[in-house]
Amino acid sequence: MSSNQNIEKNLFIILYLNSIYPLSASLKAFLIQKIKSCSFAKNEIISKEGEICNKLYVIKQGMVRGYFISESTDITTWIDAENEIFTSITGFFRKEKSREYIQSLEDTYCDYLEYDDYKYCLDNFPEMRQINRIMMEEYYILAEHRVYLARIPNAQKRLTFFMENSKPHIVNRIPRKYLASYLAMRPETLSRLMKEKF
């Protein structure tokens, strides 16, 4: 693959990171060499409970969810789509076995950076430390939203909060059974509330 083809292939994640914080020419050059691309078929398991996930993904197109299994029931804990990052937090940052599964909900196309390369960026490029800080802030804000959502006792209010804090075009793409699981309600309850309110 030529240098220009390699740059074009990795342009998405370069633009994504540069939108968070300006990248130096040297960091761009390093990332162009290290970033890899991958794809997952609809419903494919990307990472399993008990595995160590050493990749930080950026979604170019598609949708993924995280979930765990309790008493033979899978419970959705998060859903991400285009222009969002995902990984197993404990697996990637602590190199510990993941407590959750990650699954694609659509045919999904990603760029990713492996942990050792990510760590090298943090150690050698100041702007990557800024990007890491900003991404961590965003992660904690989203985590706060999820905690707040989980503590709302009323199903209608949970749905309303979710709809008001989500991108409308993404909501309609989420399979109802997974959205119901994420919102801690039965699928038939979600269908009824969607008809009544939305």
C-alpha atoms as a PDB file:
ATOM      1  CA  MET A   1       0.000   0.000   0.000  1.00  0.00           C
ATOM      2  CA  SER A   2       1.366   3.403  -0.948  1.00  0.00           C
ATOM      3  CA  SER A   3       1.921   6.170   1.591  1.00  0.00           C
ATOM      4  CA  ASN A   4      -0.966   8.203   0.148  1.00  0.00           C
ATOM      5  CA  GLN A   5      -3.330   5.203   0.297  1.00  0.00           C
ATOM      6  CA  ASN A   6      -2.321   4.584   3.917  1.00  0.00           C
ATOM      7  CA  ILE A   7      -2.980   8.229   4.828  1.00  0.00           C
ATOM      8  CA  GLU A   8      -6.392   8.099   3.137  1.00  0.00           C
ATOM      9  CA  LYS A   9      -7.286   4.846   4.910  1.00  0.00           C
ATOM     10  CA  ASN A  10      -6.540   6.357   8.307  1.00  0.00           C
ATOM     11  CA  LEU A  11      -7.872   9.831   7.628  1.00  0.00           C
ATOM     12  CA  PHE A  12     -11.069   9.244   9.613  1.00  0.00           C
ATOM     13  CA  ILE A  13      -9.427   8.669  12.986  1.00  0.00           C
ATOM     14  CA  ILE A  14      -6.876  11.426  12.317  1.00  0.00           C
ATOM     15  CA  LEU A  15      -9.729  13.872  11.686  1.00  0.00           C
ATOM     16  CA  TYR A  16     -11.601  12.539  14.720  1.00  0.00           C
ATOM     17  CA  LEU A  17      -8.664  13.051  17.082  1.00  0.00           C
ATOM     18  CA  ASN A  18      -7.756  16.380  15.510  1.00  0.00           C
ATOM     19  CA  SER A  19     -11.317  17.601  16.161  1.00  0.00           C
ATOM     20  CA  ILE A  20     -10.737  16.939  19.868  1.00  0.00           C
ATOM     21  CA  TYR A  21      -7.341  18.652  20.013  1.00  0.00           C
ATOM     22  CA  PRO A  22      -4.897  19.737  17.252  1.00  0.00           C
ATOM     23  CA  LEU A  23      -2.389  17.032  16.349  1.00  0.00           C
ATOM     24  CA  SER A  24       1.263  17.697  15.588  1.00  0.00           C
ATOM     25  CA  ALA A  25       2.723  16.483  12.299  1.00  0.00           C
ATOM     26  CA  SER A  26       4.836  13.941  14.183  1.00  0.00           C
ATOM     27  CA  LEU A  27       1.818  12.443  15.978  1.00  0.00           C
ATOM     28  CA  LYS A  28      -0.114  12.251  12.714  1.00  0.00           C
ATOM     29  CA  ALA A  29       2.792  10.438  11.101  1.00  0.00           C
ATOM     30  CA  PHE A  30       2.974   7.960  13.995  1.00  0.00           C
ATOM     31  CA  LEU A  31      -0.776   7.307  13.959  1.00  0.00           C
ATOM     32  CA  ILE A  32      -0.842   6.767  10.200  1.00  0.00           C
ATOM     33  CA  GLN A  33       1.622   3.918  10.694  1.00  0.00           C
ATOM     34  CA  LYS A  34      -0.133   2.363  13.681  1.00  0.00           C
ATOM     35  CA  ILE A  35      -3.876   2.751  13.140  1.00  0.00           C
ATOM     36  CA  LYS A  36      -5.631  -0.296  11.740  1.00  0.00           C
ATOM     37  CA  SER A  37      -9.101  -0.741  10.280  1.00  0.00           C
ATOM     38  CA  CYS A  38     -11.584  -3.544  10.855  1.00  0.00           C
ATOM     39  CA  SER A  39     -15.201  -4.475  10.262  1.00  0.00           C
ATOM     40  CA  PHE A  40     -17.785  -6.543  12.102  1.00  0.00           C
ATOM     41  CA  ALA A  41     -20.879  -8.202  10.690  1.00  0.00           C
ATOM     42  CA  LYS A  42     -24.262  -7.467  12.241  1.00  0.00           C
ATOM     43  CA  ASN A  43     -24.627  -9.247  15.615  1.00  0.00           C
ATOM     44  CA  GLU A  44     -20.957 -10.285  15.684  1.00  0.00           C
ATOM     45  CA  ILE A  45     -19.346 -10.581  19.126  1.00  0.00           C
ATOM     46  CA  ILE A  46     -16.392  -8.184  19.208  1.00  0.00           C
ATOM     47  CA  SER A  47     -15.184  -8.947  22.729  1.00  0.00           C
ATOM     48  CA  LYS A  48     -16.293 -11.559  25.273  1.00  0.00           C
ATOM     49  CA  GLU A  49     -16.548 -11.592  29.045  1.00  0.00           C
ATOM     50  CA  GLY A  50     -13.287 -12.920  30.451  1.00  0.00           C
ATOM     51  CA  GLU A  51     -11.167 -11.644  27.552  1.00  0.00           C
ATOM     52  CA  ILE A  52      -8.689  -8.773  27.665  1.00  0.00           C
ATOM     53  CA  CYS A  53      -9.554  -6.198  25.032  1.00  0.00           C
ATOM     54  CA  ASN A  54      -6.413  -4.290  24.009  1.00  0.00           C
ATOM     55  CA  LYS A  55      -7.962  -2.151  21.270  1.00  0.00           C
ATOM     56  CA  LEU A  56      -9.501   1.326  21.401  1.00  0.00           C
ATOM     57  CA  TYR A  57     -12.045   1.595  18.574  1.00  0.00           C
ATOM     58  CA  VAL A  58     -13.544   4.603  16.774  1.00  0.00           C
ATOM     59  CA  ILE A  59     -16.760   3.842  14.895  1.00  0.00           C
ATOM     60  CA  LYS A  60     -16.765   5.083  11.306  1.00  0.00           C
ATOM     61  CA  GLN A  61     -20.118   3.505  10.492  1.00  0.00           C
ATOM     62  CA  GLY A  62     -22.417   1.215  12.446  1.00  0.00           C
ATOM     63  CA  MET A  63     -23.504   0.595  16.013  1.00  0.00           C
ATOM     64  CA  VAL A  64     -22.306  -1.526  18.953  1.00  0.00           C
ATOM     65  CA  ARG A  65     -23.530  -2.328  22.428  1.00  0.00           C
ATOM     66  CA  GLY A  66     -22.017  -3.538  25.689  1.00  0.00           C
ATOM     67  CA  TYR A  67     -23.867  -6.087  27.801  1.00  0.00           C
ATOM     68  CA  PHE A  68     -23.467  -8.645  30.565  1.00  0.00           C
ATOM     69  CA  ILE A  69     -25.366 -11.859  31.263  1.00  0.00           C
ATOM     70  CA  SER A  70     -27.278 -12.361  34.502  1.00  0.00           C
ATOM     71  CA  GLU A  71     -29.349 -15.503  35.068  1.00  0.00           C
ATOM     72  CA  SER A  72     -29.427 -16.296  31.323  1.00  0.00           C
ATOM     73  CA  THR A  73     -30.590 -12.758  30.477  1.00  0.00           C
ATOM     74  CA  ASP A  74     -28.347 -10.304  28.680  1.00  0.00           C
ATOM     75  CA  ILE A  75     -28.562  -6.767  30.036  1.00  0.00           C
ATOM     76  CA  THR A  76     -27.479  -3.883  27.788  1.00  0.00           C
ATOM     77  CA  THR A  77     -25.298  -1.333  29.587  1.00  0.00           C
ATOM     78  CA  TRP A  78     -24.313   1.043  26.759  1.00  0.00           C
ATOM     79  CA  ILE A  79     -24.847   1.687  23.045  1.00  0.00           C
ATOM     80  CA  ASP A  80     -22.489   3.618  20.740  1.00  0.00           C
ATOM     81  CA  ALA A  81     -22.652   4.641  17.073  1.00  0.00           C
ATOM     82  CA  GLU A  82     -20.736   6.760  14.549  1.00  0.00           C
ATOM     83  CA  ASN A  83     -17.992   9.096  15.773  1.00  0.00           C
ATOM     84  CA  GLU A  84     -17.857   7.468  19.196  1.00  0.00           C
ATOM     85  CA  ILE A  85     -15.108   5.444  20.822  1.00  0.00           C
ATOM     86  CA  PHE A  86     -15.534   2.123  22.594  1.00  0.00           C
ATOM     87  CA  THR A  87     -13.507  -0.558  24.307  1.00  0.00           C
ATOM     88  CA  SER A  88     -13.624  -2.721  27.403  1.00  0.00           C
ATOM     89  CA  ILE A  89     -12.597  -0.173  30.038  1.00  0.00           C
ATOM     90  CA  THR A  90     -11.067  -2.662  32.493  1.00  0.00           C
ATOM     91  CA  GLY A  91      -9.497  -4.674  29.687  1.00  0.00           C
ATOM     92  CA  PHE A  92      -7.932  -1.763  27.851  1.00  0.00           C
ATOM     93  CA  PHE A  93      -6.799   0.503  30.681  1.00  0.00           C
ATOM     94  CA  ARG A  94      -6.076  -2.108  33.376  1.00  0.00           C
ATOM     95  CA  LYS A  95      -5.347  -5.200  31.260  1.00  0.00           C
ATOM     96  CA  GLU A  96      -7.909  -7.088  33.328  1.00  0.00           C
ATOM     97  CA  LYS A  97     -10.474  -9.583  32.077  1.00  0.00           C
ATOM     98  CA  SER A  98     -13.597  -7.877  30.813  1.00  0.00           C
ATOM     99  CA  ARG A  99     -16.873  -8.184  32.731  1.00  0.00           C
ATOM    100  CA  GLU A 100     -18.971  -7.601  29.641  1.00  0.00           C
ATOM    101  CA  TYR A 101     -19.542  -8.584  26.043  1.00  0.00           C
ATOM    102  CA  ILE A 102     -19.349  -6.146  23.135  1.00  0.00           C
ATOM    103  CA  GLN A 103     -21.538  -6.842  20.088  1.00  0.00           C
ATOM    104  CA  SER A 104     -22.145  -5.095  16.781  1.00  0.00           C
ATOM    105  CA  LEU A 105     -25.809  -4.222  16.167  1.00  0.00           C
ATOM    106  CA  GLU A 106     -25.250  -3.384  12.491  1.00  0.00           C
ATOM    107  CA  ASP A 107     -22.521  -4.030   9.962  1.00  0.00           C
ATOM    108  CA  THR A 108     -19.880  -1.881  11.643  1.00  0.00           C
ATOM    109  CA  TYR A 109     -16.641  -0.330  10.375  1.00  0.00           C
ATOM    110  CA  CYS A 110     -13.983   0.935  12.775  1.00  0.00           C
ATOM    111  CA  ASP A 111     -10.472   2.235  13.078  1.00  0.00           C
ATOM    112  CA  TYR A 112      -8.541   1.166  16.154  1.00  0.00           C
ATOM    113  CA  LEU A 113      -5.330   1.713  18.062  1.00  0.00           C
ATOM    114  CA  GLU A 114      -3.745  -1.020  20.156  1.00  0.00           C
ATOM    115  CA  TYR A 115      -2.915  -0.346  23.799  1.00  0.00           C
ATOM    116  CA  ASP A 116       0.884  -0.304  23.444  1.00  0.00           C
ATOM    117  CA  ASP A 117       0.651   2.261  20.649  1.00  0.00           C
ATOM    118  CA  TYR A 118      -1.866   4.329  22.630  1.00  0.00           C
ATOM    119  CA  LYS A 119       0.462   4.264  25.641  1.00  0.00           C
ATOM    120  CA  TYR A 120       3.404   5.302  23.452  1.00  0.00           C
ATOM    121  CA  CYS A 121       1.371   8.289  22.247  1.00  0.00           C
ATOM    122  CA  LEU A 122       0.611   9.311  25.819  1.00  0.00           C
ATOM    123  CA  ASP A 123       4.264   9.049  26.803  1.00  0.00           C
ATOM    124  CA  ASN A 124       5.671  10.882  23.791  1.00  0.00           C
ATOM    125  CA  PHE A 125       3.124  13.381  22.460  1.00  0.00           C
ATOM    126  CA  PRO A 126       1.731  16.091  24.790  1.00  0.00           C
ATOM    127  CA  GLU A 127      -1.338  16.637  22.606  1.00  0.00           C
ATOM    128  CA  MET A 128      -2.317  12.991  23.059  1.00  0.00           C
ATOM    129  CA  ARG A 129      -2.384  13.562  26.802  1.00  0.00           C
ATOM    130  CA  GLN A 130      -4.781  16.452  26.195  1.00  0.00           C
ATOM    131  CA  ILE A 131      -6.945  14.231  23.992  1.00  0.00           C
ATOM    132  CA  ASN A 132      -6.918  11.516  26.648  1.00  0.00           C
ATOM    133  CA  ARG A 133      -8.012  14.009  29.300  1.00  0.00           C
ATOM    134  CA  ILE A 134     -10.854  15.337  27.145  1.00  0.00           C
ATOM    135  CA  MET A 135     -12.021  11.826  26.231  1.00  0.00           C
ATOM    136  CA  MET A 136     -11.977  10.782  29.887  1.00  0.00           C
ATOM    137  CA  GLU A 137     -14.063  13.821  30.803  1.00  0.00           C
ATOM    138  CA  GLU A 138     -16.581  12.887  28.118  1.00  0.00           C
ATOM    139  CA  TYR A 139     -16.616   9.277  29.315  1.00  0.00           C
ATOM    140  CA  TYR A 140     -17.357  10.343  32.886  1.00  0.00           C
ATOM    141  CA  ILE A 141     -20.144  12.660  31.720  1.00  0.00           C
ATOM    142  CA  LEU A 142     -21.738   9.786  29.796  1.00  0.00           C
ATOM    143  CA  ALA A 143     -21.229   7.473  32.776  1.00  0.00           C
ATOM    144  CA  GLU A 144     -22.979  10.031  34.980  1.00  0.00           C
ATOM    145  CA  HIS A 145     -25.906  10.080  32.536  1.00  0.00           C
ATOM    146  CA  ARG A 146     -26.134   6.279  32.653  1.00  0.00           C
ATOM    147  CA  VAL A 147     -26.064   6.245  36.468  1.00  0.00           C
ATOM    148  CA  TYR A 148     -28.740   8.948  36.616  1.00  0.00           C
ATOM    149  CA  LEU A 149     -30.858   7.091  34.065  1.00  0.00           C
ATOM    150  CA  ALA A 150     -30.617   3.856  36.020  1.00  0.00           C
ATOM    151  CA  ARG A 151     -31.825   5.576  39.207  1.00  0.00           C
ATOM    152  CA  ILE A 152     -34.993   7.092  37.693  1.00  0.00           C
ATOM    153  CA  PRO A 153     -37.778   4.913  39.169  1.00  0.00           C
ATOM    154  CA  ASN A 154     -40.445   5.724  36.565  1.00  0.00           C
ATOM    155  CA  ALA A 155     -40.244   3.979  33.161  1.00  0.00           C
ATOM    156  CA  GLN A 156     -41.790   6.905  31.283  1.00  0.00           C
ATOM    157  CA  LYS A 157     -39.337   9.345  32.834  1.00  0.00           C
ATOM    158  CA  ARG A 158     -36.407   7.042  31.987  1.00  0.00           C
ATOM    159  CA  LEU A 159     -37.498   6.948  28.365  1.00  0.00           C
ATOM    160  CA  THR A 160     -38.011  10.715  28.252  1.00  0.00           C
ATOM    161  CA  PHE A 161     -34.561  11.369  29.747  1.00  0.00           C
ATOM    162  CA  PHE A 162     -32.985   9.001  27.236  1.00  0.00           C
ATOM    163  CA  MET A 163     -34.768  10.567  24.256  1.00  0.00           C
ATOM    164  CA  GLU A 164     -33.857  14.087  25.353  1.00  0.00           C
ATOM    165  CA  ASN A 165     -30.171  13.174  25.732  1.00  0.00           C
ATOM    166  CA  SER A 166     -29.703  11.030  22.620  1.00  0.00           C
ATOM    167  CA  LYS A 167     -29.329  11.674  18.902  1.00  0.00           C
ATOM    168  CA  PRO A 168     -32.790  11.110  17.336  1.00  0.00           C
ATOM    169  CA  HIS A 169     -31.526   9.331  14.200  1.00  0.00           C
ATOM    170  CA  ILE A 170     -29.644   6.809  16.350  1.00  0.00           C
ATOM    171  CA  VAL A 171     -32.607   5.976  18.610  1.00  0.00           C
ATOM    172  CA  ASN A 172     -34.617   4.637  15.674  1.00  0.00           C
ATOM    173  CA  ARG A 173     -31.783   2.287  14.692  1.00  0.00           C
ATOM    174  CA  ILE A 174     -31.508   0.544  18.080  1.00  0.00           C
ATOM    175  CA  PRO A 175     -33.355  -2.800  18.157  1.00  0.00           C
ATOM    176  CA  ARG A 176     -36.248  -2.389  20.582  1.00  0.00           C
ATOM    177  CA  LYS A 177     -35.294  -5.392  22.717  1.00  0.00           C
ATOM    178  CA  TYR A 178     -31.855  -3.888  23.395  1.00  0.00           C
ATOM    179  CA  LEU A 179     -33.207  -0.411  24.009  1.00  0.00           C
ATOM    180  CA  ALA A 180     -35.762  -1.874  26.438  1.00  0.00           C
ATOM    181  CA  SER A 181     -32.971  -3.756  28.213  1.00  0.00           C
ATOM    182  CA  TYR A 182     -30.865  -0.579  28.427  1.00  0.00           C
ATOM    183  CA  LEU A 183     -33.827   1.307  29.886  1.00  0.00           C
ATOM    184  CA  ALA A 184     -34.631  -1.521  32.340  1.00  0.00           C
ATOM    185  CA  MET A 185     -38.153  -2.198  31.085  1.00  0.00           C
ATOM    186  CA  ARG A 186     -40.002  -4.904  29.207  1.00  0.00           C
ATOM    187  CA  PRO A 187     -40.101  -4.574  25.376  1.00  0.00           C
ATOM    188  CA  GLU A 188     -43.900  -4.337  25.404  1.00  0.00           C
ATOM    189  CA  THR A 189     -43.698  -1.495  27.943  1.00  0.00           C
ATOM    190  CA  LEU A 190     -41.247   0.349  25.724  1.00  0.00           C
ATOM    191  CA  SER A 191     -43.497  -0.119  22.675  1.00  0.00           C
ATOM    192  CA  ARG A 192     -46.504   1.227  24.546  1.00  0.00           C
ATOM    193  CA  LEU A 193     -44.627   4.242  25.891  1.00  0.00           C
ATOM    194  CA  MET A 194     -43.129   5.022  22.475  1.00  0.00           C
ATOM    195  CA  LYS A 195     -46.616   5.034  20.931  1.00  0.00           C
ATOM    196  CA  GLU A 196     -48.034   7.200  23.706  1.00  0.00           C
ATOM    197  CA  LYS A 197     -45.234   9.744  23.939  1.00  0.00           C
ATOM    198  CA  PHE A 198     -43.216   9.654  20.738  1.00  0.00           C
END
